[in-house]
Amino acid sequence: MKWTKIVSVLCAVLFFAGCAMVTIYVTFPEEKIKKAAEDIEKMMESQSENILYQLCTFFTSPVFAQENSASSSIKTDSPKIKEAINQIKSWSDELASYKKDGYIGETNDYQVAIINQPKDPELSKKVKEIVQKENQQRNIILEELFRLNNVSPDQRKAFREIFAKTRQKNAKPGEYIQNPDGTWTQKK
């Protein structure tokens, strides 16, 4: 008799515990998304810029005071992200020259787009190819971030916009960036 009461109580507790499951949607403050975007940007810098950044960081950041709280930051460490960044680095100088020449610009949704088509057919083909490759790798990075951080579909647009703003902020003077209304302007 005593065991049946214990089993009954245990079953009731398990039943109610199962019913009390709550789905928690994680929302990410804009500052944490910006930090993740800046981290990704630093990883994508050309090799010489990246070495300089690493040296400066080594000499200016205290070794013992680094904050690394998984619960308070956006996860960006993944083999897929690293591979996509390495791919982007492999053509970053070529992309930068096409941006400098005014062929390619940064959009509002973390993509690149052709602004001015080169007249030379061979160059035009190269510009199209690099835009396609760059956008493909950026999409891989974002999709992996969404997966790692359980980003809901309704939060994805905000991620893209913040990453785009960070990328546009880091654009060099003279490069094209897309305005909020969809028009293009050269960064000053």
Foldseek 3Di string as FASTA:
>chain_A
DVVVVVVVVVVVVVVVVVVPDDDDADDADLVQLLVLLVVLVLLLDAPVSNVVVVVVCVVPPDPPPDDDDPVNHQDQDDPLLNVLSVQSNVCVVVVLVCQLVAQWAQEQQGAIDGDDQDPDPVVNVVNVVNRVSNRVSSVSSLVVSCVRRVPDPVCSSVSRRSSSVSVVVPRDAQGWYADPVGDIDGHD
